[in-house]
Structures are given as C-alpha cells and as structure tokens.
Amino acid sequence: MDEASVALVTGAARGIGAAVAAKLAESQFDLALFDVLECTDTAAAVRNAGRQALCLKGDVAAPADRAAALEQIESAFGRLDVLVNNAGVAPKIRTDILEASEESYDRVMSVNLKGPYFLTQAVANRMLRQRRQRPDDWMCIVNISSMSAYTASPSRGEYCLSKAGVAMATRLWAARLAEHGIGVYEIRPGIIATDMTAPVRKKYDKLIAEGLTPIKRWGRPADVAAAVAACARGELKFSTGEVINVDGGFHLRVL
C-alpha cells in the first residue's frame, strides 16, 4: 500500500476547516488538525473515512505553537505534502475605522496574516527538504482568504487588510516556490454559512434574495472544501498563484 500524503489544516475544529479536513480524508490524505479549540469532532470524521488524524492544539499566531505542531507532524508522519492556511478571526466588535483600536488590529493581523505567513515559511522549507527525497510527489499550499480581500468594509478594516495581505502572500509564495514544483493557491470564499457569519444571517438572507450574488444561495463549507481538495490532489498542476473564487459569482460586475 502506498504511503498516504499528509495535509495540515489550520482552524480545523469547525466550519470551513472541518469541512476541508473531511474532504481531504475522502481524498485519501492523513490529516494534522491545528486549532486553538479541540478538534475531536473533526478527527472523528477523518477517522471514519479511514484516515489518520493528529490533533494539534495551538495558536497559529504563536511561534512556539507553530514550531511544536510541525515537530509533532514530523514525528507522527515523517512528511507534509499540503498546508491549508484556514485559521482566521474577525474583529471582536465591528468598529468604524475612525475608531478602531490597535489592539484589534494587532490581533486580527497576527492570526490572519502574520501567523500563516511564517507558518508557510517553515512548511515551505520543510517541503524543499522533502522534495530532495521525493522528487515526483505533489506538494502545495492553499490559503483561504475572503471576498474581503478586495471588498471595502469600513466597519472591519483590519479584517479586510489581513485578507488583502493573504492575497499578496499567495502571489509571493507562488513566485518563490514554482521552480520547486510546489503550487500555491488562494481560495476566496464569499458569503459562507459558518459560526462567523451566523450573527448576520438575516441581513445576508435579504441581500442574497435581492441579487447580491448571481447564484442566489448561501455558500457552504463543502463548497470551499471541494476547491481545496482539487488543489491538494494536484488537479491544477499547471497553475500557481491562482485565485479561485467560491462566492456564488459575487466577484462578477453585472450591469
């Protein structure tokens, strides 16, 4: 039996991250699940699909937690083929950018941009070493950003800035790693039904019904997971730095 590829998913306890992990397990990946919350339910879904699950409790914004997670992955699996940077937070309170605090800015940027950027750096270096031993294996990095990467929301400016940064980080890592056969992709979700969007459910029910998105429904975590799995399986090997919109057509400018 061939050795399974291994994927690390951050923010794996619920929502998009949990759906991504389950989909990758269906695609025959073993999973490392990294989150500040317990990943018990996600791990059970992975194991029910017949794959291994390693639960790693930690904060992607904490350098020591990132380093410890990678050490545990190396010890448990001896390889890492796919990184999915999914962990993210919104501002605790939506605040006009004229009043927003540095504390909120630092928190959001640390989790959404700085942490994933340096986790990618560490994983990329491991992948380069792994490449010497496995010259033909497919490896990739997938960043989960947001329609907020280009949509201005003055009540949560720090979130928009963090996701715009993720978009550029994707391009930077794609340019650096392409020659080594490591693909880098940005998945850009739109309005997805998760815990994060639950407080604004009624607002977006109305907007979607009125035509905010050409496809008139909420997105589901499974929609995002399907796009991630396509990248992870190597179905887009002649693409890198690509933005994949999973947004019901929100990005279209329709007259």
Protein backbone atom coordinates (compact mmCIF):
# COMPACT_ATOMS: atom_id res chain seq x y z
CA MET A 1 0.00 0.00 0.00
CA ASP A 2 1.32 3.42 -0.94
CA GLU A 3 2.18 5.80 1.89
CA ALA A 4 -0.56 8.41 2.31
CA SER A 5 0.06 12.07 1.68
CA VAL A 6 -0.34 14.33 4.72
CA ALA A 7 -2.19 17.63 4.94
CA LEU A 8 -2.04 20.21 7.72
CA VAL A 9 -5.25 22.22 8.14
CA THR A 10 -5.31 25.19 10.50
CA GLY A 11 -8.57 26.31 12.07
CA ALA A 12 -9.75 22.72 11.70
CA ALA A 13 -12.17 22.46 14.62
CA ARG A 14 -15.26 23.75 12.85
CA GLY A 15 -16.71 25.50 9.82
CA ILE A 16 -14.65 25.63 6.66
CA GLY A 17 -11.62 23.98 8.28
CA ALA A 18 -13.61 20.96 9.45
CA ALA A 19 -15.17 20.57 6.01
CA VAL A 20 -11.77 20.81 4.33
CA ALA A 21 -10.32 18.15 6.62
CA ALA A 22 -13.21 15.78 5.95
CA LYS A 23 -12.95 16.28 2.19
CA LEU A 24 -9.21 15.68 2.21
CA ALA A 25 -9.74 12.49 4.20
CA GLU A 26 -12.17 11.36 1.49
CA SER A 27 -9.34 12.10 -0.96
CA GLN A 28 -7.09 9.69 0.98
CA PHE A 29 -5.00 12.21 2.90
CA ASP A 30 -3.94 11.73 6.50
CA LEU A 31 -4.65 14.89 8.49
CA ALA A 32 -2.90 17.10 11.01
CA LEU A 33 -5.58 19.29 12.62
CA PHE A 34 -4.38 22.54 14.20
CA ASP A 35 -6.67 24.83 16.21
CA VAL A 36 -6.97 26.72 19.48
CA LEU A 37 -10.10 24.62 20.05
CA GLU A 38 -10.38 20.87 20.46
CA CYS A 39 -10.60 19.07 17.11
CA THR A 40 -12.33 15.95 18.46
CA ASP A 41 -15.29 16.01 16.07
CA THR A 42 -13.15 16.74 13.02
CA ALA A 43 -10.74 13.97 13.97
CA ALA A 44 -13.64 11.54 14.28
CA ALA A 45 -14.83 12.44 10.77
CA VAL A 46 -11.33 11.88 9.40
CA ARG A 47 -11.00 8.51 11.12
CA ASN A 48 -14.47 7.47 9.97
CA ALA A 49 -13.18 7.99 6.44
CA GLY A 50 -10.39 5.52 7.20
CA ARG A 51 -7.57 8.04 7.54
CA GLN A 52 -5.26 9.05 10.39
CA ALA A 53 -5.88 12.26 12.35
CA LEU A 54 -3.37 14.07 14.55
CA CYS A 55 -4.89 16.78 16.78
CA LEU A 56 -2.62 19.75 17.49
CA LYS A 57 -3.91 22.35 19.93
CA GLY A 58 -2.28 25.73 19.46
CA ASP A 59 -2.47 29.28 18.20
CA VAL A 60 -1.23 29.96 14.68
CA ALA A 61 -0.15 33.41 15.87
CA ALA A 62 2.25 31.88 18.44
CA PRO A 63 5.70 30.94 17.05
CA ALA A 64 6.23 28.24 19.70
CA ASP A 65 2.89 26.62 18.89
CA ARG A 66 3.68 26.57 15.17
CA ALA A 67 7.08 25.01 15.77
CA ALA A 68 5.67 22.39 18.13
CA ALA A 69 2.97 21.45 15.63
CA LEU A 70 5.49 20.87 12.86
CA GLU A 71 7.68 18.78 15.15
CA GLN A 72 4.71 16.58 16.05
CA ILE A 73 3.79 16.16 12.39
CA GLU A 74 7.34 15.12 11.56
CA SER A 75 7.34 12.62 14.42
CA ALA A 76 3.92 11.17 13.57
CA PHE A 77 4.07 11.10 9.78
CA GLY A 78 7.58 11.93 8.61
CA ARG A 79 6.22 14.06 5.78
CA LEU A 80 3.96 17.01 4.97
CA ASP A 81 2.54 17.45 1.50
CA VAL A 82 -0.21 20.05 1.80
CA LEU A 83 -0.68 23.10 4.01
CA VAL A 84 -4.12 24.71 4.22
CA ASN A 85 -3.93 28.11 5.93
CA ASN A 86 -7.53 28.41 7.05
CA ALA A 87 -7.37 29.75 10.62
CA GLY A 88 -8.79 33.23 10.90
CA VAL A 89 -10.63 35.62 13.17
CA ALA A 90 -12.89 38.61 12.68
CA PRO A 91 -12.75 41.70 14.87
CA LYS A 92 -14.45 41.03 18.20
CA ILE A 93 -16.54 44.15 17.62
CA ARG A 94 -17.20 45.76 14.26
CA THR A 95 -15.96 49.33 14.59
CA ASP A 96 -15.74 52.28 12.21
CA ILE A 97 -12.14 52.61 11.02
CA LEU A 98 -12.15 56.12 12.51
CA GLU A 99 -12.47 54.49 15.93
CA ALA A 100 -10.82 51.06 15.55
CA SER A 101 -8.17 50.08 18.10
CA GLU A 102 -4.59 48.98 17.64
CA GLU A 103 -5.34 46.02 19.90
CA SER A 104 -7.98 44.71 17.49
CA TYR A 105 -5.73 45.41 14.50
CA ASP A 106 -2.81 43.51 16.02
CA ARG A 107 -4.98 40.53 16.99
CA VAL A 108 -6.56 40.15 13.56
CA MET A 109 -3.33 40.66 11.64
CA SER A 110 -1.42 38.22 13.86
CA VAL A 111 -3.89 35.38 13.35
CA ASN A 112 -4.94 36.06 9.77
CA LEU A 113 -1.69 37.18 8.16
CA LYS A 114 1.49 37.11 10.25
CA GLY A 115 0.95 33.63 11.69
CA PRO A 116 0.06 31.98 8.36
CA TYR A 117 2.90 33.81 6.60
CA PHE A 118 5.54 32.42 8.94
CA LEU A 119 3.89 29.01 9.12
CA THR A 120 4.12 28.94 5.33
CA GLN A 121 7.79 29.88 5.57
CA ALA A 122 8.50 26.99 7.93
CA VAL A 123 6.45 24.50 5.92
CA ALA A 124 7.97 25.62 2.62
CA ASN A 125 11.46 24.98 3.94
CA ARG A 126 10.41 21.51 5.09
CA MET A 127 8.85 20.85 1.70
CA LEU A 128 12.07 21.84 -0.04
CA ARG A 129 13.98 19.33 2.06
CA GLN A 130 11.31 16.72 1.41
CA ARG A 131 11.49 17.43 -2.31
CA ARG A 132 15.05 16.09 -2.39
CA GLN A 133 13.79 12.74 -1.10
CA ARG A 134 10.51 12.72 -3.04
CA PRO A 135 11.21 14.45 -6.36
CA ASP A 136 7.95 13.39 -8.00
CA ASP A 137 5.45 13.97 -5.18
CA TRP A 138 2.87 16.73 -5.47
CA MET A 139 3.01 19.39 -2.77
CA CYS A 140 1.04 22.58 -2.39
CA ILE A 141 -0.01 25.40 -0.11
CA VAL A 142 -3.60 26.67 -0.07
CA ASN A 143 -4.54 29.97 1.54
CA ILE A 144 -8.15 30.61 2.50
CA SER A 145 -8.73 34.33 2.09
CA SER A 146 -12.06 36.10 1.57
CA MET A 147 -14.04 38.35 -0.71
CA SER A 148 -12.92 40.95 1.84
CA ALA A 149 -9.51 40.87 0.15
CA TYR A 150 -10.96 43.37 -2.34
CA THR A 151 -14.31 44.43 -0.87
CA ALA A 152 -14.12 47.51 1.36
CA SER A 153 -15.92 47.14 4.70
CA PRO A 154 -15.11 50.27 6.76
CA SER A 155 -16.58 48.66 9.88
CA ARG A 156 -13.91 45.93 9.90
CA GLY A 157 -10.92 47.42 8.18
CA GLU A 158 -8.37 45.24 9.94
CA TYR A 159 -10.06 42.10 8.58
CA CYS A 160 -10.06 43.45 5.01
CA LEU A 161 -6.39 44.40 5.27
CA SER A 162 -5.47 40.98 6.63
CA LYS A 163 -7.17 39.18 3.74
CA ALA A 164 -5.67 41.53 1.16
CA GLY A 165 -2.32 40.61 2.68
CA VAL A 166 -3.10 36.91 2.32
CA ALA A 167 -3.77 37.53 -1.37
CA MET A 168 -0.32 39.06 -1.86
CA ALA A 169 1.33 36.40 0.29
CA THR A 170 -0.13 33.81 -2.08
CA ARG A 171 1.48 35.53 -5.05
CA LEU A 172 4.81 35.87 -3.25
CA TRP A 173 5.00 32.22 -2.23
CA ALA A 174 3.78 31.09 -5.65
CA ALA A 175 6.57 33.02 -7.34
CA ARG A 176 9.20 31.68 -4.94
CA LEU A 177 8.18 28.02 -4.95
CA ALA A 178 7.10 27.42 -8.54
CA GLU A 179 10.55 26.28 -9.67
CA HIS A 180 10.43 23.58 -7.00
CA GLY A 181 7.11 22.18 -8.16
CA ILE A 182 5.16 23.44 -5.16
CA GLY A 183 1.83 25.01 -6.09
CA VAL A 184 0.37 27.89 -4.11
CA TYR A 185 -3.29 28.87 -4.38
CA GLU A 186 -5.74 31.35 -2.89
CA ILE A 187 -9.29 30.20 -2.28
CA ARG A 188 -11.50 33.26 -1.93
CA PRO A 189 -14.82 32.39 -0.23
CA GLY A 190 -17.82 34.64 -0.39
CA ILE A 191 -20.78 34.50 1.96
CA ILE A 192 -20.44 31.11 3.64
CA ALA A 193 -22.75 29.73 6.32
CA THR A 194 -20.47 29.32 9.35
CA ASP A 195 -20.35 30.35 13.01
CA MET A 196 -18.60 33.56 11.93
CA THR A 197 -21.49 34.62 9.69
CA ALA A 198 -24.32 33.41 11.94
CA PRO A 199 -24.87 36.85 13.57
CA VAL A 200 -25.57 38.44 10.15
CA ARG A 201 -27.71 35.64 8.76
CA LYS A 202 -30.88 37.71 8.35
CA LYS A 203 -29.00 40.57 6.71
CA TYR A 204 -27.48 38.35 4.04
CA ASP A 205 -30.62 36.28 3.54
CA LYS A 206 -32.24 39.50 2.33
CA LEU A 207 -29.26 40.67 0.26
CA ILE A 208 -28.87 37.31 -1.47
CA ALA A 209 -32.58 37.21 -2.27
CA GLU A 210 -32.25 40.69 -3.77
CA GLY A 211 -29.43 39.59 -6.08
CA LEU A 212 -26.19 40.28 -4.21
CA THR A 213 -24.82 37.08 -5.75
CA PRO A 214 -25.81 35.69 -9.17
CA ILE A 215 -26.12 32.24 -7.57
CA LYS A 216 -28.86 33.00 -5.08
CA ARG A 217 -27.93 30.94 -2.05
CA TRP A 218 -25.51 30.91 0.83
CA GLY A 219 -22.22 29.18 0.24
CA ARG A 220 -21.47 26.10 2.28
CA PRO A 221 -18.19 24.97 3.85
CA ALA A 222 -18.34 21.98 1.50
CA ASP A 223 -18.17 24.35 -1.49
CA VAL A 224 -14.84 25.69 -0.25
CA ALA A 225 -13.61 22.22 0.67
CA ALA A 226 -14.19 20.97 -2.87
CA ALA A 227 -11.92 23.70 -4.26
CA VAL A 228 -9.21 22.99 -1.70
CA ALA A 229 -9.31 19.28 -2.47
CA ALA A 230 -8.85 19.91 -6.19
CA CYS A 231 -5.66 21.85 -5.44
CA ALA A 232 -4.44 19.28 -2.92
CA ARG A 233 -4.95 16.38 -5.31
CA GLY A 234 -2.85 18.12 -7.95
CA GLU A 235 -5.63 18.78 -10.43
CA LEU A 236 -4.25 22.27 -11.18
CA LYS A 237 -0.57 21.47 -11.62
CA PHE A 238 -0.01 23.98 -14.43
CA SER A 239 -1.48 26.80 -12.34
CA THR A 240 0.03 28.61 -9.39
CA GLY A 241 -0.70 31.90 -7.66
CA GLU A 242 -4.26 31.40 -8.83
CA VAL A 243 -7.29 32.97 -7.16
CA ILE A 244 -10.26 30.60 -7.02
CA ASN A 245 -13.46 32.45 -6.18
CA VAL A 246 -16.01 30.38 -4.28
CA ASP A 247 -18.55 33.16 -3.91
CA GLY A 248 -21.66 32.45 -5.95
CA GLY A 249 -20.43 34.90 -8.58
CA PHE A 250 -20.14 37.85 -6.17
CA HIS A 251 -16.95 38.98 -7.91
CA LEU A 252 -18.76 39.47 -11.23
CA ARG A 253 -19.66 43.02 -12.17
CA VAL A 254 -23.03 42.66 -13.81
CA LEU A 255 -24.97 45.51 -15.46
